[in-house]
Amino acid sequence: GEPCESCGTPIRRLVQGGRSTYYCPVC
């Protein structure tokens, strides 16, 4: 939910193998 420091797009969260993963959908 916080802005990516490179492009400003909100960081997203998904679950992989039972663990939280965070990524920028643009970068």
mmCIF file of all heavy atoms, coordinates in Angstrom:
data_MODEL
# 
_entry.id   MODEL 
# 
loop_
_atom_site.group_PDB 
_atom_site.id 
_atom_site.type_symbol 
_atom_site.label_atom_id 
_atom_site.label_alt_id 
_atom_site.label_comp_id 
_atom_site.label_asym_id 
_atom_site.label_entity_id 
_atom_site.label_seq_id 
_atom_site.pdbx_PDB_ins_code 
_atom_site.Cartn_x 
_atom_site.Cartn_y 
_atom_site.Cartn_z 
_atom_site.occupancy 
_atom_site.B_iso_or_equiv 
_atom_site.pdbx_formal_charge 
_atom_site.auth_seq_id 
_atom_site.auth_comp_id 
_atom_site.auth_asym_id 
_atom_site.auth_atom_id 
_atom_site.pdbx_PDB_model_num 
ATOM 1   N N   . GLY A 1 1  ? 0.791  -1.222  0.000   1.00 0.00 ? 1  GLY A N   1 
ATOM 2   C CA  . GLY A 1 1  ? 0.000  0.000   0.000   1.00 0.00 ? 1  GLY A CA  1 
ATOM 3   C C   . GLY A 1 1  ? 0.821  1.269   0.000   1.00 0.00 ? 1  GLY A C   1 
ATOM 4   O O   . GLY A 1 1  ? 0.301  2.353   -0.303  1.00 0.00 ? 1  GLY A O   1 
ATOM 5   N N   . GLU A 1 2  ? 2.106  1.162   0.321   1.00 0.00 ? 2  GLU A N   1 
ATOM 6   C CA  . GLU A 1 2  ? 2.974  2.341   0.310   1.00 0.00 ? 2  GLU A CA  1 
ATOM 7   C C   . GLU A 1 2  ? 3.528  2.551   -1.102  1.00 0.00 ? 2  GLU A C   1 
ATOM 8   O O   . GLU A 1 2  ? 3.655  1.610   -1.881  1.00 0.00 ? 2  GLU A O   1 
ATOM 9   C CB  . GLU A 1 2  ? 4.120  2.168   1.297   1.00 0.00 ? 2  GLU A CB  1 
ATOM 10  C CG  . GLU A 1 2  ? 3.671  2.038   2.745   1.00 0.00 ? 2  GLU A CG  1 
ATOM 11  C CD  . GLU A 1 2  ? 4.848  1.855   3.691   1.00 0.00 ? 2  GLU A CD  1 
ATOM 12  O OE1 . GLU A 1 2  ? 5.948  2.379   3.384   1.00 0.00 ? 2  GLU A OE1 1 
ATOM 13  O OE2 . GLU A 1 2  ? 4.676  1.184   4.726   1.00 0.00 ? 2  GLU A OE2 1 
ATOM 14  N N   . PRO A 1 3  ? 3.862  3.791   -1.471  1.00 0.00 ? 3  PRO A N   1 
ATOM 15  C CA  . PRO A 1 3  ? 4.328  4.053   -2.834  1.00 0.00 ? 3  PRO A CA  1 
ATOM 16  C C   . PRO A 1 3  ? 5.723  3.481   -3.100  1.00 0.00 ? 3  PRO A C   1 
ATOM 17  O O   . PRO A 1 3  ? 6.607  3.563   -2.243  1.00 0.00 ? 3  PRO A O   1 
ATOM 18  C CB  . PRO A 1 3  ? 4.352  5.582   -2.915  1.00 0.00 ? 3  PRO A CB  1 
ATOM 19  C CG  . PRO A 1 3  ? 4.483  6.042   -1.499  1.00 0.00 ? 3  PRO A CG  1 
ATOM 20  C CD  . PRO A 1 3  ? 3.744  5.036   -0.673  1.00 0.00 ? 3  PRO A CD  1 
ATOM 21  N N   . CYS A 1 4  ? 5.880  2.906   -4.270  1.00 0.00 ? 4  CYS A N   1 
ATOM 22  C CA  . CYS A 1 4  ? 7.196  2.461   -4.714  1.00 0.00 ? 4  CYS A CA  1 
ATOM 23  C C   . CYS A 1 4  ? 8.101  3.683   -4.805  1.00 0.00 ? 4  CYS A C   1 
ATOM 24  O O   . CYS A 1 4  ? 7.707  4.721   -5.352  1.00 0.00 ? 4  CYS A O   1 
ATOM 25  C CB  . CYS A 1 4  ? 7.092  1.773   -6.078  1.00 0.00 ? 4  CYS A CB  1 
ATOM 26  S SG  . CYS A 1 4  ? 8.667  1.420   -6.885  1.00 0.00 ? 4  CYS A SG  1 
ATOM 27  N N   . GLU A 1 5  ? 9.309  3.569   -4.303  1.00 0.00 ? 5  GLU A N   1 
ATOM 28  C CA  . GLU A 1 5  ? 10.214 4.717   -4.298  1.00 0.00 ? 5  GLU A CA  1 
ATOM 29  C C   . GLU A 1 5  ? 10.757 5.044   -5.675  1.00 0.00 ? 5  GLU A C   1 
ATOM 30  O O   . GLU A 1 5  ? 11.324 6.118   -5.878  1.00 0.00 ? 5  GLU A O   1 
ATOM 31  C CB  . GLU A 1 5  ? 11.350 4.477   -3.304  1.00 0.00 ? 5  GLU A CB  1 
ATOM 32  C CG  . GLU A 1 5  ? 10.871 4.413   -1.860  1.00 0.00 ? 5  GLU A CG  1 
ATOM 33  C CD  . GLU A 1 5  ? 11.998 4.478   -0.848  1.00 0.00 ? 5  GLU A CD  1 
ATOM 34  O OE1 . GLU A 1 5  ? 13.146 4.767   -1.255  1.00 0.00 ? 5  GLU A OE1 1 
ATOM 35  O OE2 . GLU A 1 5  ? 11.721 4.258   0.335   1.00 0.00 ? 5  GLU A OE2 1 
ATOM 36  N N   . SER A 1 6  ? 10.553 4.139   -6.640  1.00 0.00 ? 6  SER A N   1 
ATOM 37  C CA  . SER A 1 6  ? 11.015 4.398   -8.004  1.00 0.00 ? 6  SER A CA  1 
ATOM 38  C C   . SER A 1 6  ? 9.943  5.050   -8.871  1.00 0.00 ? 6  SER A C   1 
ATOM 39  O O   . SER A 1 6  ? 10.235 5.981   -9.625  1.00 0.00 ? 6  SER A O   1 
ATOM 40  C CB  . SER A 1 6  ? 11.489 3.107   -8.662  1.00 0.00 ? 6  SER A CB  1 
ATOM 41  O OG  . SER A 1 6  ? 12.612 2.585   -8.000  1.00 0.00 ? 6  SER A OG  1 
ATOM 42  N N   . CYS A 1 7  ? 8.683  4.548   -8.749  1.00 0.00 ? 7  CYS A N   1 
ATOM 43  C CA  . CYS A 1 7  ? 7.642  5.035   -9.663  1.00 0.00 ? 7  CYS A CA  1 
ATOM 44  C C   . CYS A 1 7  ? 6.400  5.578   -8.958  1.00 0.00 ? 7  CYS A C   1 
ATOM 45  O O   . CYS A 1 7  ? 5.523  6.154   -9.601  1.00 0.00 ? 7  CYS A O   1 
ATOM 46  C CB  . CYS A 1 7  ? 7.236  3.925   -10.629 1.00 0.00 ? 7  CYS A CB  1 
ATOM 47  S SG  . CYS A 1 7  ? 6.308  2.575   -9.847  1.00 0.00 ? 7  CYS A SG  1 
ATOM 48  N N   . GLY A 1 8  ? 6.278  5.373   -7.659  1.00 0.00 ? 8  GLY A N   1 
ATOM 49  C CA  . GLY A 1 8  ? 5.133  5.888   -6.918  1.00 0.00 ? 8  GLY A CA  1 
ATOM 50  C C   . GLY A 1 8  ? 3.923  4.977   -6.881  1.00 0.00 ? 8  GLY A C   1 
ATOM 51  O O   . GLY A 1 8  ? 2.950  5.258   -6.166  1.00 0.00 ? 8  GLY A O   1 
ATOM 52  N N   . THR A 1 9  ? 3.948  3.886   -7.617  1.00 0.00 ? 9  THR A N   1 
ATOM 53  C CA  . THR A 1 9  ? 2.827  2.939   -7.614  1.00 0.00 ? 9  THR A CA  1 
ATOM 54  C C   . THR A 1 9  ? 2.771  2.208   -6.273  1.00 0.00 ? 9  THR A C   1 
ATOM 55  O O   . THR A 1 9  ? 3.812  1.824   -5.744  1.00 0.00 ? 9  THR A O   1 
ATOM 56  C CB  . THR A 1 9  ? 3.005  1.905   -8.745  1.00 0.00 ? 9  THR A CB  1 
ATOM 57  O OG1 . THR A 1 9  ? 3.138  2.591   -9.988  1.00 0.00 ? 9  THR A OG1 1 
ATOM 58  C CG2 . THR A 1 9  ? 1.814  0.950   -8.804  1.00 0.00 ? 9  THR A CG2 1 
ATOM 59  N N   . PRO A 1 10 ? 1.564  2.017   -5.712  1.00 0.00 ? 10 PRO A N   1 
ATOM 60  C CA  . PRO A 1 10 ? 1.483  1.306   -4.428  1.00 0.00 ? 10 PRO A CA  1 
ATOM 61  C C   . PRO A 1 10 ? 2.063  -0.108  -4.511  1.00 0.00 ? 10 PRO A C   1 
ATOM 62  O O   . PRO A 1 10 ? 1.789  -0.849  -5.466  1.00 0.00 ? 10 PRO A O   1 
ATOM 63  C CB  . PRO A 1 10 ? -0.017 1.269   -4.136  1.00 0.00 ? 10 PRO A CB  1 
ATOM 64  C CG  . PRO A 1 10 ? -0.576 2.447   -4.867  1.00 0.00 ? 10 PRO A CG  1 
ATOM 65  C CD  . PRO A 1 10 ? 0.243  2.540   -6.128  1.00 0.00 ? 10 PRO A CD  1 
ATOM 66  N N   . ILE A 1 11 ? 2.866  -0.460  -3.528  1.00 0.00 ? 11 ILE A N   1 
ATOM 67  C CA  . ILE A 1 11 ? 3.416  -1.812  -3.434  1.00 0.00 ? 11 ILE A CA  1 
ATOM 68  C C   . ILE A 1 11 ? 2.280  -2.791  -3.160  1.00 0.00 ? 11 ILE A C   1 
ATOM 69  O O   . ILE A 1 11 ? 1.376  -2.504  -2.375  1.00 0.00 ? 11 ILE A O   1 
ATOM 70  C CB  . ILE A 1 11 ? 4.472  -1.898  -2.303  1.00 0.00 ? 11 ILE A CB  1 
ATOM 71  C CG1 . ILE A 1 11 ? 5.673  -0.999  -2.608  1.00 0.00 ? 11 ILE A CG1 1 
ATOM 72  C CG2 . ILE A 1 11 ? 4.919  -3.336  -2.055  1.00 0.00 ? 11 ILE A CG2 1 
ATOM 73  C CD1 . ILE A 1 11 ? 6.529  -1.444  -3.764  1.00 0.00 ? 11 ILE A CD1 1 
ATOM 74  N N   . ARG A 1 12 ? 2.325  -3.937  -3.810  1.00 0.00 ? 12 ARG A N   1 
ATOM 75  C CA  . ARG A 1 12 ? 1.304  -4.969  -3.627  1.00 0.00 ? 12 ARG A CA  1 
ATOM 76  C C   . ARG A 1 12 ? 1.865  -6.156  -2.839  1.00 0.00 ? 12 ARG A C   1 
ATOM 77  O O   . ARG A 1 12 ? 3.065  -6.361  -2.780  1.00 0.00 ? 12 ARG A O   1 
ATOM 78  C CB  . ARG A 1 12 ? 0.778  -5.453  -4.977  1.00 0.00 ? 12 ARG A CB  1 
ATOM 79  C CG  . ARG A 1 12 ? -0.023 -4.417  -5.735  1.00 0.00 ? 12 ARG A CG  1 
ATOM 80  C CD  . ARG A 1 12 ? -0.574 -5.008  -7.021  1.00 0.00 ? 12 ARG A CD  1 
ATOM 81  N NE  . ARG A 1 12 ? -1.292 -4.003  -7.791  1.00 0.00 ? 12 ARG A NE  1 
ATOM 82  C CZ  . ARG A 1 12 ? -1.808 -4.220  -8.998  1.00 0.00 ? 12 ARG A CZ  1 
ATOM 83  N NH1 . ARG A 1 12 ? -1.657 -5.431  -9.570  1.00 0.00 ? 12 ARG A NH1 1 
ATOM 84  N NH2 . ARG A 1 12 ? -2.444 -3.260  -9.637  1.00 0.00 ? 12 ARG A NH2 1 
ATOM 85  N N   . ARG A 1 13 ? 0.941  -6.923  -2.297  1.00 0.00 ? 13 ARG A N   1 
ATOM 86  C CA  . ARG A 1 13 ? 1.300  -8.117  -1.530  1.00 0.00 ? 13 ARG A CA  1 
ATOM 87  C C   . ARG A 1 13 ? 0.625  -9.334  -2.142  1.00 0.00 ? 13 ARG A C   1 
ATOM 88  O O   . ARG A 1 13 ? -0.546 -9.283  -2.547  1.00 0.00 ? 13 ARG A O   1 
ATOM 89  C CB  . ARG A 1 13 ? 0.849  -7.971  -0.073  1.00 0.00 ? 13 ARG A CB  1 
ATOM 90  C CG  . ARG A 1 13 ? 1.016  -9.231  0.779   1.00 0.00 ? 13 ARG A CG  1 
ATOM 91  C CD  . ARG A 1 13 ? 0.467  -9.014  2.191   1.00 0.00 ? 13 ARG A CD  1 
ATOM 92  N NE  . ARG A 1 13 ? 0.488  -10.236 2.984   1.00 0.00 ? 13 ARG A NE  1 
ATOM 93  C CZ  . ARG A 1 13 ? -0.487 -11.131 3.014   1.00 0.00 ? 13 ARG A CZ  1 
ATOM 94  N NH1 . ARG A 1 13 ? -1.595 -10.937 2.284   1.00 0.00 ? 13 ARG A NH1 1 
ATOM 95  N NH2 . ARG A 1 13 ? -0.372 -12.220 3.752   1.00 0.00 ? 13 ARG A NH2 1 
ATOM 96  N N   . LEU A 1 14 ? 1.351  -10.431 -2.228  1.00 0.00 ? 14 LEU A N   1 
ATOM 97  C CA  . LEU A 1 14 ? 0.757  -11.718 -2.594  1.00 0.00 ? 14 LEU A CA  1 
ATOM 98  C C   . LEU A 1 14 ? 1.385  -12.775 -1.701  1.00 0.00 ? 14 LEU A C   1 
ATOM 99  O O   . LEU A 1 14 ? 2.394  -12.533 -1.049  1.00 0.00 ? 14 LEU A O   1 
ATOM 100 C CB  . LEU A 1 14 ? 0.950  -12.041 -4.083  1.00 0.00 ? 14 LEU A CB  1 
ATOM 101 C CG  . LEU A 1 14 ? 2.358  -12.187 -4.655  1.00 0.00 ? 14 LEU A CG  1 
ATOM 102 C CD1 . LEU A 1 14 ? 2.902  -13.593 -4.431  1.00 0.00 ? 14 LEU A CD1 1 
ATOM 103 C CD2 . LEU A 1 14 ? 2.353  -11.889 -6.145  1.00 0.00 ? 14 LEU A CD2 1 
ATOM 104 N N   . VAL A 1 15 ? 0.775  -13.945 -1.660  1.00 0.00 ? 15 VAL A N   1 
ATOM 105 C CA  . VAL A 1 15 ? 1.265  -15.037 -0.818  1.00 0.00 ? 15 VAL A CA  1 
ATOM 106 C C   . VAL A 1 15 ? 1.832  -16.126 -1.713  1.00 0.00 ? 15 VAL A C   1 
ATOM 107 O O   . VAL A 1 15 ? 1.166  -16.605 -2.631  1.00 0.00 ? 15 VAL A O   1 
ATOM 108 C CB  . VAL A 1 15 ? 0.149  -15.603 0.083   1.00 0.00 ? 15 VAL A CB  1 
ATOM 109 C CG1 . VAL A 1 15 ? 0.676  -16.788 0.896   1.00 0.00 ? 15 VAL A CG1 1 
ATOM 110 C CG2 . VAL A 1 15 ? -0.372 -14.519 1.020   1.00 0.00 ? 15 VAL A CG2 1 
ATOM 111 N N   . GLN A 1 16 ? 3.086  -16.498 -1.443  1.00 0.00 ? 16 GLN A N   1 
ATOM 112 C CA  . GLN A 1 16 ? 3.742  -17.571 -2.167  1.00 0.00 ? 16 GLN A CA  1 
ATOM 113 C C   . GLN A 1 16 ? 4.281  -18.574 -1.166  1.00 0.00 ? 16 GLN A C   1 
ATOM 114 O O   . GLN A 1 16 ? 5.064  -18.206 -0.282  1.00 0.00 ? 16 GLN A O   1 
ATOM 115 C CB  . GLN A 1 16 ? 4.909  -17.034 -3.005  1.00 0.00 ? 16 GLN A CB  1 
ATOM 116 C CG  . GLN A 1 16 ? 4.513  -16.220 -4.212  1.00 0.00 ? 16 GLN A CG  1 
ATOM 117 C CD  . GLN A 1 16 ? 5.750  -15.742 -4.962  1.00 0.00 ? 16 GLN A CD  1 
ATOM 118 O OE1 . GLN A 1 16 ? 6.492  -14.910 -4.470  1.00 0.00 ? 16 GLN A OE1 1 
ATOM 119 N NE2 . GLN A 1 16 ? 5.953  -16.283 -6.152  1.00 0.00 ? 16 GLN A NE2 1 
ATOM 120 N N   . GLY A 1 17 ? 3.854  -19.801 -1.287  1.00 0.00 ? 17 GLY A N   1 
ATOM 121 C CA  . GLY A 1 17 ? 4.348  -20.838 -0.383  1.00 0.00 ? 17 GLY A CA  1 
ATOM 122 C C   . GLY A 1 17 ? 4.088  -20.518 1.077   1.00 0.00 ? 17 GLY A C   1 
ATOM 123 O O   . GLY A 1 17 ? 4.902  -20.853 1.940   1.00 0.00 ? 17 GLY A O   1 
ATOM 124 N N   . GLY A 1 18 ? 2.983  -19.844 1.357   1.00 0.00 ? 18 GLY A N   1 
ATOM 125 C CA  . GLY A 1 18 ? 2.627  -19.509 2.730   1.00 0.00 ? 18 GLY A CA  1 
ATOM 126 C C   . GLY A 1 18 ? 3.343  -18.289 3.278   1.00 0.00 ? 18 GLY A C   1 
ATOM 127 O O   . GLY A 1 18 ? 3.171  -17.951 4.452   1.00 0.00 ? 18 GLY A O   1 
ATOM 128 N N   . ARG A 1 19 ? 4.129  -17.592 2.455   1.00 0.00 ? 19 ARG A N   1 
ATOM 129 C CA  . ARG A 1 19 ? 4.863  -16.409 2.895   1.00 0.00 ? 19 ARG A CA  1 
ATOM 130 C C   . ARG A 1 19 ? 4.413  -15.174 2.126   1.00 0.00 ? 19 ARG A C   1 
ATOM 131 O O   . ARG A 1 19 ? 4.093  -15.249 0.939   1.00 0.00 ? 19 ARG A O   1 
ATOM 132 C CB  . ARG A 1 19 ? 6.377  -16.599 2.696   1.00 0.00 ? 19 ARG A CB  1 
ATOM 133 C CG  . ARG A 1 19 ? 6.976  -17.710 3.525   1.00 0.00 ? 19 ARG A CG  1 
ATOM 134 C CD  . ARG A 1 19 ? 8.414  -17.944 3.089   1.00 0.00 ? 19 ARG A CD  1 
ATOM 135 N NE  . ARG A 1 19 ? 9.030  -19.011 3.862   1.00 0.00 ? 19 ARG A NE  1 
ATOM 136 C CZ  . ARG A 1 19 ? 9.848  -18.807 4.882   1.00 0.00 ? 19 ARG A CZ  1 
ATOM 137 N NH1 . ARG A 1 19 ? 10.134 -17.580 5.261   1.00 0.00 ? 19 ARG A NH1 1 
ATOM 138 N NH2 . ARG A 1 19 ? 10.383 -19.824 5.524   1.00 0.00 ? 19 ARG A NH2 1 
ATOM 139 N N   . SER A 1 20 ? 4.417  -14.048 2.788   1.00 0.00 ? 20 SER A N   1 
ATOM 140 C CA  . SER A 1 20 ? 4.056  -12.794 2.136   1.00 0.00 ? 20 SER A CA  1 
ATOM 141 C C   . SER A 1 20 ? 5.176  -12.334 1.220   1.00 0.00 ? 20 SER A C   1 
ATOM 142 O O   . SER A 1 20 ? 6.351  -12.367 1.586   1.00 0.00 ? 20 SER A O   1 
ATOM 143 C CB  . SER A 1 20 ? 3.784  -11.709 3.175   1.00 0.00 ? 20 SER A CB  1 
ATOM 144 O OG  . SER A 1 20 ? 2.622  -12.013 3.939   1.00 0.00 ? 20 SER A OG  1 
ATOM 145 N N   . THR A 1 21 ? 4.783  -11.911 0.024   1.00 0.00 ? 21 THR A N   1 
ATOM 146 C CA  . THR A 1 21 ? 5.719  -11.365 -0.960  1.00 0.00 ? 21 THR A CA  1 
ATOM 147 C C   . THR A 1 21 ? 5.227  -9.979  -1.348  1.00 0.00 ? 21 THR A C   1 
ATOM 148 O O   . THR A 1 21 ? 4.035  -9.763  -1.515  1.00 0.00 ? 21 THR A O   1 
ATOM 149 C CB  . THR A 1 21 ? 5.775  -12.268 -2.208  1.00 0.00 ? 21 THR A CB  1 
ATOM 150 O OG1 . THR A 1 21 ? 6.319  -13.527 -1.847  1.00 0.00 ? 21 THR A OG1 1 
ATOM 151 C CG2 . THR A 1 21 ? 6.646  -11.646 -3.284  1.00 0.00 ? 21 THR A CG2 1 
ATOM 152 N N   . TYR A 1 22 ? 6.155  -9.045  -1.508  1.00 0.00 ? 22 TYR A N   1 
ATOM 153 C CA  . TYR A 1 22 ? 5.816  -7.675  -1.828  1.00 0.00 ? 22 TYR A CA  1 
ATOM 154 C C   . TYR A 1 22 ? 6.529  -7.283  -3.114  1.00 0.00 ? 22 TYR A C   1 
ATOM 155 O O   . TYR A 1 22 ? 7.697  -7.625  -3.311  1.00 0.00 ? 22 TYR A O   1 
ATOM 156 C CB  . TYR A 1 22 ? 6.220  -6.748  -0.678  1.00 0.00 ? 22 TYR A CB  1 
ATOM 157 C CG  . TYR A 1 22 ? 5.607  -7.139  0.652   1.00 0.00 ? 22 TYR A CG  1 
ATOM 158 C CD1 . TYR A 1 22 ? 6.223  -8.083  1.466   1.00 0.00 ? 22 TYR A CD1 1 
ATOM 159 C CD2 . TYR A 1 22 ? 4.395  -6.605  1.053   1.00 0.00 ? 22 TYR A CD2 1 
ATOM 160 C CE1 . TYR A 1 22 ? 5.653  -8.454  2.676   1.00 0.00 ? 22 TYR A CE1 1 
ATOM 161 C CE2 . TYR A 1 22 ? 3.815  -6.975  2.266   1.00 0.00 ? 22 TYR A CE2 1 
ATOM 162 C CZ  . TYR A 1 22 ? 4.447  -7.908  3.062   1.00 0.00 ? 22 TYR A CZ  1 
ATOM 163 O OH  . TYR A 1 22 ? 3.875  -8.296  4.257   1.00 0.00 ? 22 TYR A OH  1 
ATOM 164 N N   . TYR A 1 23 ? 5.803  -6.545  -3.978  1.00 0.00 ? 23 TYR A N   1 
ATOM 165 C CA  . TYR A 1 23 ? 6.390  -6.194  -5.268  1.00 0.00 ? 23 TYR A CA  1 
ATOM 166 C C   . TYR A 1 23 ? 5.684  -4.951  -5.823  1.00 0.00 ? 23 TYR A C   1 
ATOM 167 O O   . TYR A 1 23 ? 4.583  -4.589  -5.396  1.00 0.00 ? 23 TYR A O   1 
ATOM 168 C CB  . TYR A 1 23 ? 6.260  -7.348  -6.253  1.00 0.00 ? 23 TYR A CB  1 
ATOM 169 C CG  . TYR A 1 23 ? 4.824  -7.616  -6.685  1.00 0.00 ? 23 TYR A CG  1 
ATOM 170 C CD1 . TYR A 1 23 ? 4.340  -7.138  -7.904  1.00 0.00 ? 23 TYR A CD1 1 
ATOM 171 C CD2 . TYR A 1 23 ? 3.946  -8.304  -5.854  1.00 0.00 ? 23 TYR A CD2 1 
ATOM 172 C CE1 . TYR A 1 23 ? 3.020  -7.359  -8.282  1.00 0.00 ? 23 TYR A CE1 1 
ATOM 173 C CE2 . TYR A 1 23 ? 2.625  -8.531  -6.235  1.00 0.00 ? 23 TYR A CE2 1 
ATOM 174 C CZ  . TYR A 1 23 ? 2.176  -8.047  -7.423  1.00 0.00 ? 23 TYR A CZ  1 
ATOM 175 O OH  . TYR A 1 23 ? 0.872  -8.245  -7.793  1.00 0.00 ? 23 TYR A OH  1 
ATOM 176 N N   . CYS A 1 24 ? 6.345  -4.304  -6.786  1.00 0.00 ? 24 CYS A N   1 
ATOM 177 C CA  . CYS A 1 24 ? 5.758  -3.179  -7.501  1.00 0.00 ? 24 CYS A CA  1 
ATOM 178 C C   . CYS A 1 24 ? 5.209  -3.691  -8.826  1.00 0.00 ? 24 CYS A C   1 
ATOM 179 O O   . CYS A 1 24 ? 5.965  -4.253  -9.629  1.00 0.00 ? 24 CYS A O   1 
ATOM 180 C CB  . CYS A 1 24 ? 6.800  -2.098  -7.739  1.00 0.00 ? 24 CYS A CB  1 
ATOM 181 S SG  . CYS A 1 24 ? 6.185  -0.764  -8.822  1.00 0.00 ? 24 CYS A SG  1 
ATOM 182 N N   . PRO A 1 25 ? 3.901  -3.505  -9.088  1.00 0.00 ? 25 PRO A N   1 
ATOM 183 C CA  . PRO A 1 25 ? 3.324  -4.041  -10.334 1.00 0.00 ? 25 PRO A CA  1 
ATOM 184 C C   . PRO A 1 25 ? 3.814  -3.340  -11.592 1.00 0.00 ? 25 PRO A C   1 
ATOM 185 O O   . PRO A 1 25 ? 3.629  -3.860  -12.706 1.00 0.00 ? 25 PRO A O   1 
ATOM 186 C CB  . PRO A 1 25 ? 1.819  -3.814  -10.125 1.00 0.00 ? 25 PRO A CB  1 
ATOM 187 C CG  . PRO A 1 25 ? 1.735  -2.677  -9.172  1.00 0.00 ? 25 PRO A CG  1 
ATOM 188 C CD  . PRO A 1 25 ? 2.907  -2.833  -8.250  1.00 0.00 ? 25 PRO A CD  1 
ATOM 189 N N   . VAL A 1 26 ? 4.445  -2.187  -11.457 1.00 0.00 ? 26 VAL A N   1 
ATOM 190 C CA  . VAL A 1 26 ? 4.982  -1.468  -12.616 1.00 0.00 ? 26 VAL A CA  1 
ATOM 191 C C   . VAL A 1 26 ? 6.459  -1.816  -12.820 1.00 0.00 ? 26 VAL A C   1 
ATOM 192 O O   . VAL A 1 26 ? 6.870  -2.183  -13.921 1.00 0.00 ? 26 VAL A O   1 
ATOM 193 C CB  . VAL A 1 26 ? 4.797  0.045   -12.447 1.00 0.00 ? 26 VAL A CB  1 
ATOM 194 C CG1 . VAL A 1 26 ? 5.521  0.801   -13.572 1.00 0.00 ? 26 VAL A CG1 1 
ATOM 195 C CG2 . VAL A 1 26 ? 3.327  0.400   -12.445 1.00 0.00 ? 26 VAL A CG2 1 
ATOM 196 N N   . CYS A 1 27 ? 7.250  -1.705  -11.766 1.00 0.00 ? 27 CYS A N   1 
ATOM 197 C CA  . CYS A 1 27 ? 8.693  -1.964  -11.881 1.00 0.00 ? 27 CYS A CA  1 
ATOM 198 C C   . CYS A 1 27 ? 9.013  -3.447  -12.015 1.00 0.00 ? 27 CYS A C   1 
ATOM 199 O O   . CYS A 1 27 ? 10.071 -3.820  -12.514 1.00 0.00 ? 27 CYS A O   1 
ATOM 200 C CB  . CYS A 1 27 ? 9.422  -1.399  -10.665 1.00 0.00 ? 27 CYS A CB  1 
ATOM 201 S SG  . CYS A 1 27 ? 9.326  0.397   -10.507 1.00 0.00 ? 27 CYS A SG  1 
# 
